[in-house]
Amino acid sequence: MASASKAKKTVRIASGRKRARQDVKLNAANSALRSKFRTAIKSVLKAVQAGDKAKASDAFKTAQSVIDSIADKGIFHKNKAARHKSRLSAKIKAIAA
């Protein structure tokens, strides 16, 4: 609405300007990691959809490290990481059944 069209105010205090510069860098890094997370999950899900258990297991191994690293950095909560890993492993186990 009206608030969305307002221009962002510049910070006057030097420490605030530095914080704004740092936020831009941190936001870019976090966005890249979230994108890497989503890509890793999608690769596992594609392998599961194809029914290729070996490929899904390999993709899951790489996805596990990506998920854990993101949880360790605090981008996602550890419980969210555990939930994603659990659901992916359950889908991989369901291929054999």
PDB file of N, CA and C in Angstrom:
ATOM      1  N   MET A   1       0.829  -1.169   0.000  1.00  0.00           N
ATOM      2  CA  MET A   1       0.000   0.000   0.000  1.00  0.00           C
ATOM      3  C   MET A   1       0.881   1.244   0.000  1.00  0.00           C
ATOM      4  N   ALA A   2       0.535   2.236   0.815  1.00  0.00           N
ATOM      5  CA  ALA A   2       1.276   3.487   0.837  1.00  0.00           C
ATOM      6  C   ALA A   2       2.659   3.289   1.460  1.00  0.00           C
ATOM      7  N   SER A   3       2.748   2.433   2.484  1.00  0.00           N
ATOM      8  CA  SER A   3       4.026   2.230   3.153  1.00  0.00           C
ATOM      9  C   SER A   3       5.026   1.480   2.281  1.00  0.00           C
ATOM     10  N   ALA A   4       4.541   0.670   1.353  1.00  0.00           N
ATOM     11  CA  ALA A   4       5.438  -0.098   0.500  1.00  0.00           C
ATOM     12  C   ALA A   4       6.140   0.792  -0.512  1.00  0.00           C
ATOM     13  N   SER A   5       5.522   1.933  -0.881  1.00  0.00           N
ATOM     14  CA  SER A   5       6.109   2.797  -1.889  1.00  0.00           C
ATOM     15  C   SER A   5       7.090   3.799  -1.305  1.00  0.00           C
ATOM     16  N   LYS A   6       7.148   3.919   0.022  1.00  0.00           N
ATOM     17  CA  LYS A   6       8.061   4.867   0.651  1.00  0.00           C
ATOM     18  C   LYS A   6       9.506   4.438   0.432  1.00  0.00           C
ATOM     19  N   ALA A   7      10.354   5.427   0.239  1.00  0.00           N
ATOM     20  CA  ALA A   7      11.777   5.139   0.094  1.00  0.00           C
ATOM     21  C   ALA A   7      12.365   4.857   1.471  1.00  0.00           C
ATOM     22  N   LYS A   8      13.379   4.014   1.495  1.00  0.00           N
ATOM     23  CA  LYS A   8      14.012   3.673   2.750  1.00  0.00           C
ATOM     24  C   LYS A   8      14.845   4.852   3.241  1.00  0.00           C
ATOM     25  N   LYS A   9      14.747   5.160   4.527  1.00  0.00           N
ATOM     26  CA  LYS A   9      15.506   6.270   5.084  1.00  0.00           C
ATOM     27  C   LYS A   9      16.960   5.863   5.265  1.00  0.00           C
ATOM     28  N   THR A  10      17.849   6.807   5.044  1.00  0.00           N
ATOM     29  CA  THR A  10      19.261   6.535   5.275  1.00  0.00           C
ATOM     30  C   THR A  10      19.575   6.767   6.740  1.00  0.00           C
ATOM     31  N   VAL A  11      20.501   6.000   7.241  1.00  0.00           N
ATOM     32  CA  VAL A  11      20.890   6.091   8.640  1.00  0.00           C
ATOM     33  C   VAL A  11      21.940   7.184   8.778  1.00  0.00           C
ATOM     34  N   ARG A  12      21.820   7.984   9.818  1.00  0.00           N
ATOM     35  CA  ARG A  12      22.759   9.099  10.002  1.00  0.00           C
ATOM     36  C   ARG A  12      23.968   8.718  10.853  1.00  0.00           C
ATOM     37  N   ILE A  13      23.782   7.845  11.809  1.00  0.00           N
ATOM     38  CA  ILE A  13      24.874   7.489  12.727  1.00  0.00           C
ATOM     39  C   ILE A  13      25.812   6.506  12.039  1.00  0.00           C
ATOM     40  N   ALA A  14      27.102   6.684  12.257  1.00  0.00           N
ATOM     41  CA  ALA A  14      28.119   5.886  11.567  1.00  0.00           C
ATOM     42  C   ALA A  14      27.967   4.402  11.859  1.00  0.00           C
ATOM     43  N   SER A  15      27.680   4.061  13.120  1.00  0.00           N
ATOM     44  CA  SER A  15      27.528   2.649  13.461  1.00  0.00           C
ATOM     45  C   SER A  15      26.301   2.060  12.771  1.00  0.00           C
ATOM     46  N   GLY A  16      25.278   2.870  12.599  1.00  0.00           N
ATOM     47  CA  GLY A  16      24.077   2.421  11.897  1.00  0.00           C
ATOM     48  C   GLY A  16      24.332   2.206  10.419  1.00  0.00           C
ATOM     49  N   ARG A  17      25.150   3.088   9.823  1.00  0.00           N
ATOM     50  CA  ARG A  17      25.502   2.923   8.402  1.00  0.00           C
ATOM     51  C   ARG A  17      26.311   1.637   8.201  1.00  0.00           C
ATOM     52  N   LYS A  18      27.225   1.392   9.135  1.00  0.00           N
ATOM     53  CA  LYS A  18      28.024   0.160   9.050  1.00  0.00           C
ATOM     54  C   LYS A  18      27.121  -1.064   9.189  1.00  0.00           C
ATOM     55  N   ARG A  19      26.171  -0.994  10.127  1.00  0.00           N
ATOM     56  CA  ARG A  19      25.239  -2.110  10.328  1.00  0.00           C
ATOM     57  C   ARG A  19      24.423  -2.354   9.062  1.00  0.00           C
ATOM     58  N   ALA A  20      24.019  -1.299   8.382  1.00  0.00           N
ATOM     59  CA  ALA A  20      23.253  -1.429   7.139  1.00  0.00           C
ATOM     60  C   ALA A  20      24.093  -2.093   6.058  1.00  0.00           C
ATOM     61  N   ARG A  21      25.374  -1.716   5.967  1.00  0.00           N
ATOM     62  CA  ARG A  21      26.275  -2.352   4.986  1.00  0.00           C
ATOM     63  C   ARG A  21      26.444  -3.831   5.297  1.00  0.00           C
ATOM     64  N   GLN A  22      26.611  -4.144   6.573  1.00  0.00           N
ATOM     65  CA  GLN A  22      26.783  -5.541   6.969  1.00  0.00           C
ATOM     66  C   GLN A  22      25.529  -6.349   6.691  1.00  0.00           C
ATOM     67  N   ASP A  23      24.368  -5.748   6.913  1.00  0.00           N
ATOM     68  CA  ASP A  23      23.102  -6.441   6.688  1.00  0.00           C
ATOM     69  C   ASP A  23      22.936  -6.837   5.229  1.00  0.00           C
ATOM     70  N   VAL A  24      23.387  -5.992   4.320  1.00  0.00           N
ATOM     71  CA  VAL A  24      23.291  -6.319   2.896  1.00  0.00           C
ATOM     72  C   VAL A  24      24.120  -7.564   2.587  1.00  0.00           C
ATOM     73  N   LYS A  25      25.331  -7.614   3.128  1.00  0.00           N
ATOM     74  CA  LYS A  25      26.212  -8.763   2.891  1.00  0.00           C
ATOM     75  C   LYS A  25      25.649 -10.038   3.536  1.00  0.00           C
ATOM     76  N   LEU A  26      25.182  -9.904   4.771  1.00  0.00           N
ATOM     77  CA  LEU A  26      24.648 -11.070   5.476  1.00  0.00           C
ATOM     78  C   LEU A  26      23.386 -11.588   4.808  1.00  0.00           C
ATOM     79  N   ASN A  27      22.549 -10.675   4.331  1.00  0.00           N
ATOM     80  CA  ASN A  27      21.321 -11.082   3.659  1.00  0.00           C
ATOM     81  C   ASN A  27      21.646 -11.844   2.383  1.00  0.00           C
ATOM     82  N   ALA A  28      22.651 -11.393   1.645  1.00  0.00           N
ATOM     83  CA  ALA A  28      23.042 -12.081   0.420  1.00  0.00           C
ATOM     84  C   ALA A  28      23.583 -13.479   0.729  1.00  0.00           C
ATOM     85  N   ALA A  29      24.387 -13.588   1.783  1.00  0.00           N
ATOM     86  CA  ALA A  29      24.955 -14.888   2.153  1.00  0.00           C
ATOM     87  C   ALA A  29      23.861 -15.848   2.614  1.00  0.00           C
ATOM     88  N   ASN A  30      22.937 -15.340   3.432  1.00  0.00           N
ATOM     89  CA  ASN A  30      21.854 -16.189   3.928  1.00  0.00           C
ATOM     90  C   ASN A  30      20.927 -16.615   2.803  1.00  0.00           C
ATOM     91  N   SER A  31      20.669 -15.718   1.859  1.00  0.00           N
ATOM     92  CA  SER A  31      19.814 -16.062   0.719  1.00  0.00           C
ATOM     93  C   SER A  31      20.450 -17.156  -0.122  1.00  0.00           C
ATOM     94  N   ALA A  32      21.758 -17.066  -0.312  1.00  0.00           N
ATOM     95  CA  ALA A  32      22.455 -18.090  -1.088  1.00  0.00           C
ATOM     96  C   ALA A  32      22.387 -19.444  -0.394  1.00  0.00           C
ATOM     97  N   LEU A  33      22.537 -19.447   0.926  1.00  0.00           N
ATOM     98  CA  LEU A  33      22.476 -20.703   1.672  1.00  0.00           C
ATOM     99  C   LEU A  33      21.071 -21.303   1.651  1.00  0.00           C
ATOM    100  N   ARG A  34      20.049 -20.436   1.768  1.00  0.00           N
ATOM    101  CA  ARG A  34      18.672 -20.940   1.691  1.00  0.00           C
ATOM    102  C   ARG A  34      18.386 -21.537   0.313  1.00  0.00           C
ATOM    103  N   SER A  35      18.930 -20.909  -0.720  1.00  0.00           N
ATOM    104  CA  SER A  35      18.754 -21.421  -2.081  1.00  0.00           C
ATOM    105  C   SER A  35      19.441 -22.776  -2.234  1.00  0.00           C
ATOM    106  N   LYS A  36      20.638 -22.896  -1.670  1.00  0.00           N
ATOM    107  CA  LYS A  36      21.373 -24.164  -1.711  1.00  0.00           C
ATOM    108  C   LYS A  36      20.593 -25.261  -0.988  1.00  0.00           C
ATOM    109  N   PHE A  37      19.971 -24.892   0.132  1.00  0.00           N
ATOM    110  CA  PHE A  37      19.130 -25.813   0.912  1.00  0.00           C
ATOM    111  C   PHE A  37      17.960 -26.317   0.069  1.00  0.00           C
ATOM    112  N   ARG A  38      17.254 -25.383  -0.575  1.00  0.00           N
ATOM    113  CA  ARG A  38      16.097 -25.771  -1.386  1.00  0.00           C
ATOM    114  C   ARG A  38      16.511 -26.654  -2.557  1.00  0.00           C
ATOM    115  N   THR A  39      17.637 -26.337  -3.177  1.00  0.00           N
ATOM    116  CA  THR A  39      18.124 -27.127  -4.310  1.00  0.00           C
ATOM    117  C   THR A  39      18.466 -28.539  -3.877  1.00  0.00           C
ATOM    118  N   ALA A  40      19.100 -28.676  -2.713  1.00  0.00           N
ATOM    119  CA  ALA A  40      19.478 -29.998  -2.206  1.00  0.00           C
ATOM    120  C   ALA A  40      18.233 -30.844  -1.949  1.00  0.00           C
ATOM    121  N   ILE A  41      17.219 -30.240  -1.378  1.00  0.00           N
ATOM    122  CA  ILE A  41      15.981 -30.977  -1.092  1.00  0.00           C
ATOM    123  C   ILE A  41      15.285 -31.385  -2.387  1.00  0.00           C
ATOM    124  N   LYS A  42      15.256 -30.465  -3.354  1.00  0.00           N
ATOM    125  CA  LYS A  42      14.609 -30.770  -4.629  1.00  0.00           C
ATOM    126  C   LYS A  42      15.309 -31.920  -5.350  1.00  0.00           C
ATOM    127  N   SER A  43      16.625 -31.990  -5.254  1.00  0.00           N
ATOM    128  CA  SER A  43      17.345 -33.072  -5.925  1.00  0.00           C
ATOM    129  C   SER A  43      16.982 -34.423  -5.315  1.00  0.00           C
ATOM    130  N   VAL A  44      16.800 -34.456  -3.998  1.00  0.00           N
ATOM    131  CA  VAL A  44      16.389 -35.701  -3.340  1.00  0.00           C
ATOM    132  C   VAL A  44      14.968 -36.070  -3.768  1.00  0.00           C
ATOM    133  N   LEU A  45      14.081 -35.091  -3.768  1.00  0.00           N
ATOM    134  CA  LEU A  45      12.683 -35.356  -4.124  1.00  0.00           C
ATOM    135  C   LEU A  45      12.537 -35.811  -5.575  1.00  0.00           C
ATOM    136  N   LYS A  46      13.354 -35.255  -6.466  1.00  0.00           N
ATOM    137  CA  LYS A  46      13.302 -35.686  -7.869  1.00  0.00           C
ATOM    138  C   LYS A  46      13.738 -37.137  -8.011  1.00  0.00           C
ATOM    139  N   ALA A  47      14.779 -37.513  -7.274  1.00  0.00           N
ATOM    140  CA  ALA A  47      15.254 -38.894  -7.317  1.00  0.00           C
ATOM    141  C   ALA A  47      14.197 -39.835  -6.730  1.00  0.00           C
ATOM    142  N   VAL A  48      13.507 -39.390  -5.690  1.00  0.00           N
ATOM    143  CA  VAL A  48      12.451 -40.212  -5.085  1.00  0.00           C
ATOM    144  C   VAL A  48      11.297 -40.375  -6.073  1.00  0.00           C
ATOM    145  N   GLN A  49      10.930 -39.273  -6.742  1.00  0.00           N
ATOM    146  CA  GLN A  49       9.846 -39.345  -7.734  1.00  0.00           C
ATOM    147  C   GLN A  49      10.191 -40.306  -8.861  1.00  0.00           C
ATOM    148  N   ALA A  50      11.468 -40.320  -9.249  1.00  0.00           N
ATOM    149  CA  ALA A  50      11.902 -41.217 -10.312  1.00  0.00           C
ATOM    150  C   ALA A  50      11.969 -42.662  -9.838  1.00  0.00           C
ATOM    151  N   GLY A  51      12.014 -42.869  -8.533  1.00  0.00           N
ATOM    152  CA  GLY A  51      12.069 -44.217  -7.986  1.00  0.00           C
ATOM    153  C   GLY A  51      13.478 -44.785  -7.934  1.00  0.00           C
ATOM    154  N   ASP A  52      14.480 -43.933  -8.082  1.00  0.00           N
ATOM    155  CA  ASP A  52      15.881 -44.366  -8.066  1.00  0.00           C
ATOM    156  C   ASP A  52      16.415 -44.248  -6.642  1.00  0.00           C
ATOM    157  N   LYS A  53      16.432 -45.375  -5.936  1.00  0.00           N
ATOM    158  CA  LYS A  53      16.828 -45.339  -4.523  1.00  0.00           C
ATOM    159  C   LYS A  53      18.310 -45.011  -4.344  1.00  0.00           C
ATOM    160  N   ALA A  54      19.161 -45.520  -5.222  1.00  0.00           N
ATOM    161  CA  ALA A  54      20.594 -45.263  -5.102  1.00  0.00           C
ATOM    162  C   ALA A  54      20.893 -43.777  -5.291  1.00  0.00           C
ATOM    163  N   LYS A  55      20.296 -43.205  -6.311  1.00  0.00           N
ATOM    164  CA  LYS A  55      20.514 -41.779  -6.580  1.00  0.00           C
ATOM    165  C   LYS A  55      19.932 -40.932  -5.461  1.00  0.00           C
ATOM    166  N   ALA A  56      18.778 -41.328  -4.940  1.00  0.00           N
ATOM    167  CA  ALA A  56      18.147 -40.592  -3.842  1.00  0.00           C
ATOM    168  C   ALA A  56      19.005 -40.649  -2.588  1.00  0.00           C
ATOM    169  N   SER A  57      19.618 -41.799  -2.327  1.00  0.00           N
ATOM    170  CA  SER A  57      20.477 -41.932  -1.144  1.00  0.00           C
ATOM    171  C   SER A  57      21.707 -41.051  -1.254  1.00  0.00           C
ATOM    172  N   ASP A  58      22.304 -41.009  -2.452  1.00  0.00           N
ATOM    173  CA  ASP A  58      23.470 -40.148  -2.653  1.00  0.00           C
ATOM    174  C   ASP A  58      23.098 -38.677  -2.494  1.00  0.00           C
ATOM    175  N   ALA A  59      21.970 -38.299  -3.073  1.00  0.00           N
ATOM    176  CA  ALA A  59      21.520 -36.913  -2.963  1.00  0.00           C
ATOM    177  C   ALA A  59      21.197 -36.574  -1.517  1.00  0.00           C
ATOM    178  N   PHE A  60      20.671 -37.546  -0.777  1.00  0.00           N
ATOM    179  CA  PHE A  60      20.327 -37.317   0.627  1.00  0.00           C
ATOM    180  C   PHE A  60      21.578 -37.091   1.463  1.00  0.00           C
ATOM    181  N   LYS A  61      22.649 -37.813   1.146  1.00  0.00           N
ATOM    182  CA  LYS A  61      23.903 -37.623   1.896  1.00  0.00           C
ATOM    183  C   LYS A  61      24.417 -36.198   1.744  1.00  0.00           C
ATOM    184  N   THR A  62      24.378 -35.680   0.523  1.00  0.00           N
ATOM    185  CA  THR A  62      24.831 -34.300   0.321  1.00  0.00           C
ATOM    186  C   THR A  62      23.848 -33.311   0.946  1.00  0.00           C
ATOM    187  N   ALA A  63      22.551 -33.628   0.859  1.00  0.00           N
ATOM    188  CA  ALA A  63      21.542 -32.739   1.432  1.00  0.00           C
ATOM    189  C   ALA A  63      21.677 -32.671   2.951  1.00  0.00           C
ATOM    190  N   GLN A  64      22.031 -33.782   3.571  1.00  0.00           N
ATOM    191  CA  GLN A  64      22.199 -33.806   5.023  1.00  0.00           C
ATOM    192  C   GLN A  64      23.256 -32.810   5.477  1.00  0.00           C
ATOM    193  N   SER A  65      24.383 -32.779   4.779  1.00  0.00           N
ATOM    194  CA  SER A  65      25.449 -31.860   5.180  1.00  0.00           C
ATOM    195  C   SER A  65      25.025 -30.410   4.969  1.00  0.00           C
ATOM    196  N   VAL A  66      24.298 -30.149   3.894  1.00  0.00           N
ATOM    197  CA  VAL A  66      23.813 -28.790   3.641  1.00  0.00           C
ATOM    198  C   VAL A  66      22.825 -28.378   4.733  1.00  0.00           C
ATOM    199  N   ILE A  67      21.910 -29.265   5.066  1.00  0.00           N
ATOM    200  CA  ILE A  67      20.894 -28.967   6.083  1.00  0.00           C
ATOM    201  C   ILE A  67      21.553 -28.737   7.444  1.00  0.00           C
ATOM    202  N   ASP A  68      22.516 -29.577   7.792  1.00  0.00           N
ATOM    203  CA  ASP A  68      23.187 -29.436   9.081  1.00  0.00           C
ATOM    204  C   ASP A  68      23.990 -28.140   9.162  1.00  0.00           C
ATOM    205  N   SER A  69      24.658 -27.790   8.070  1.00  0.00           N
ATOM    206  CA  SER A  69      25.471 -26.570   8.102  1.00  0.00           C
ATOM    207  C   SER A  69      24.586 -25.338   8.260  1.00  0.00           C
ATOM    208  N   ILE A  70      23.415 -25.355   7.626  1.00  0.00           N
ATOM    209  CA  ILE A  70      22.503 -24.219   7.751  1.00  0.00           C
ATOM    210  C   ILE A  70      21.947 -24.139   9.167  1.00  0.00           C
ATOM    211  N   ALA A  71      21.672 -25.282   9.779  1.00  0.00           N
ATOM    212  CA  ALA A  71      21.172 -25.283  11.160  1.00  0.00           C
ATOM    213  C   ALA A  71      22.266 -24.806  12.114  1.00  0.00           C
ATOM    214  N   ASP A  72      23.509 -25.196  11.864  1.00  0.00           N
ATOM    215  CA  ASP A  72      24.611 -24.776  12.731  1.00  0.00           C
ATOM    216  C   ASP A  72      24.834 -23.265  12.657  1.00  0.00           C
ATOM    217  N   LYS A  73      24.594 -22.681  11.481  1.00  0.00           N
ATOM    218  CA  LYS A  73      24.789 -21.239  11.321  1.00  0.00           C
ATOM    219  C   LYS A  73      23.613 -20.438  11.857  1.00  0.00           C
ATOM    220  N   GLY A  74      22.545 -21.121  12.238  1.00  0.00           N
ATOM    221  CA  GLY A  74      21.420 -20.428  12.841  1.00  0.00           C
ATOM    222  C   GLY A  74      20.430 -19.858  11.848  1.00  0.00           C
ATOM    223  N   ILE A  75      20.557 -20.223  10.581  1.00  0.00           N
ATOM    224  CA  ILE A  75      19.609 -19.723   9.582  1.00  0.00           C
ATOM    225  C   ILE A  75      18.264 -20.419   9.773  1.00  0.00           C
ATOM    226  N   PHE A  76      18.309 -21.711  10.068  1.00  0.00           N
ATOM    227  CA  PHE A  76      17.113 -22.469  10.407  1.00  0.00           C
ATOM    228  C   PHE A  76      17.297 -23.036  11.800  1.00  0.00           C
ATOM    229  N   HIS A  77      16.202 -23.292  12.460  1.00  0.00           N
ATOM    230  CA  HIS A  77      16.245 -23.927  13.776  1.00  0.00           C
ATOM    231  C   HIS A  77      16.651 -25.389  13.610  1.00  0.00           C
ATOM    232  N   LYS A  78      17.295 -25.932  14.605  1.00  0.00           N
ATOM    233  CA  LYS A  78      17.758 -27.317  14.541  1.00  0.00           C
ATOM    234  C   LYS A  78      16.595 -28.293  14.383  1.00  0.00           C
ATOM    235  N   ASN A  79      15.449 -27.971  14.978  1.00  0.00           N
ATOM    236  CA  ASN A  79      14.290 -28.854  14.842  1.00  0.00           C
ATOM    237  C   ASN A  79      13.760 -28.870  13.415  1.00  0.00           C
ATOM    238  N   LYS A  80      13.826 -27.727  12.737  1.00  0.00           N
ATOM    239  CA  LYS A  80      13.387 -27.669  11.346  1.00  0.00           C
ATOM    240  C   LYS A  80      14.309 -28.522  10.488  1.00  0.00           C
ATOM    241  N   ALA A  81      15.608 -28.450  10.751  1.00  0.00           N
ATOM    242  CA  ALA A  81      16.568 -29.259  10.007  1.00  0.00           C
ATOM    243  C   ALA A  81      16.303 -30.739  10.242  1.00  0.00           C
ATOM    244  N   ALA A  82      16.063 -31.117  11.489  1.00  0.00           N
ATOM    245  CA  ALA A  82      15.794 -32.513  11.820  1.00  0.00           C
ATOM    246  C   ALA A  82      14.511 -32.992  11.150  1.00  0.00           C
ATOM    247  N   ARG A  83      13.505 -32.122  11.110  1.00  0.00           N
ATOM    248  CA  ARG A  83      12.239 -32.478  10.477  1.00  0.00           C
ATOM    249  C   ARG A  83      12.422 -32.740   8.982  1.00  0.00           C
ATOM    250  N   HIS A  84      13.189 -31.891   8.313  1.00  0.00           N
ATOM    251  CA  HIS A  84      13.426 -32.081   6.887  1.00  0.00           C
ATOM    252  C   HIS A  84      14.196 -33.380   6.623  1.00  0.00           C
ATOM    253  N   LYS A  85      15.235 -33.623   7.425  1.00  0.00           N
ATOM    254  CA  LYS A  85      16.019 -34.847   7.235  1.00  0.00           C
ATOM    255  C   LYS A  85      15.169 -36.083   7.487  1.00  0.00           C
ATOM    256  N   SER A  86      14.326 -36.032   8.499  1.00  0.00           N
ATOM    257  CA  SER A  86      13.487 -37.173   8.830  1.00  0.00           C
ATOM    258  C   SER A  86      12.498 -37.473   7.708  1.00  0.00           C
ATOM    259  N   ARG A  87      11.869 -36.444   7.189  1.00  0.00           N
ATOM    260  CA  ARG A  87      10.880 -36.651   6.132  1.00  0.00           C
ATOM    261  C   ARG A  87      11.523 -37.140   4.841  1.00  0.00           C
ATOM    262  N   LEU A  88      12.717 -36.619   4.536  1.00  0.00           N
ATOM    263  CA  LEU A  88      13.406 -37.082   3.328  1.00  0.00           C
ATOM    264  C   LEU A  88      13.820 -38.541   3.463  1.00  0.00           C
ATOM    265  N   SER A  89      14.346 -38.913   4.629  1.00  0.00           N
ATOM    266  CA  SER A  89      14.768 -40.298   4.806  1.00  0.00           C
ATOM    267  C   SER A  89      13.573 -41.239   4.775  1.00  0.00           C
ATOM    268  N   ALA A  90      12.423 -40.800   5.289  1.00  0.00           N
ATOM    269  CA  ALA A  90      11.220 -41.629   5.253  1.00  0.00           C
ATOM    270  C   ALA A  90      10.770 -41.844   3.808  1.00  0.00           C
ATOM    271  N   LYS A  91      10.886 -40.819   2.985  1.00  0.00           N
ATOM    272  CA  LYS A  91      10.498 -40.963   1.574  1.00  0.00           C
ATOM    273  C   LYS A  91      11.434 -41.915   0.841  1.00  0.00           C
ATOM    274  N   ILE A  92      12.720 -41.866   1.200  1.00  0.00           N
ATOM    275  CA  ILE A  92      13.690 -42.774   0.563  1.00  0.00           C
ATOM    276  C   ILE A  92      13.408 -44.217   0.981  1.00  0.00           C
ATOM    277  N   LYS A  93      13.102 -44.421   2.265  1.00  0.00           N
ATOM    278  CA  LYS A  93      12.795 -45.767   2.745  1.00  0.00           C
ATOM    279  C   LYS A  93      11.518 -46.312   2.119  1.00  0.00           C
ATOM    280  N   ALA A  94      10.590 -45.431   1.802  1.00  0.00           N
ATOM    281  CA  ALA A  94       9.308 -45.837   1.226  1.00  0.00           C
ATOM    282  C   ALA A  94       9.455 -46.320  -0.217  1.00  0.00           C
ATOM    283  N   ILE A  95      10.581 -45.995  -0.874  1.00  0.00           N
ATOM    284  CA  ILE A  95      10.788 -46.441  -2.269  1.00  0.00           C
ATOM    285  C   ILE A  95      10.857 -47.958  -2.316  1.00  0.00           C
ATOM    286  N   ALA A  96      11.553 -48.583  -1.372  1.00  0.00           N
ATOM    287  CA  ALA A  96      11.738 -50.027  -1.376  1.00  0.00           C
ATOM    288  C   ALA A  96      10.416 -50.759  -1.118  1.00  0.00           C
ATOM    289  N   ALA A  97       9.557 -50.145  -0.336  1.00  0.00           N
ATOM    290  CA  ALA A  97       8.298 -50.790   0.035  1.00  0.00           C
ATOM    291  C   ALA A  97       7.304 -50.814  -1.106  1.00  0.00           C
TER     292      ALA A  97
END
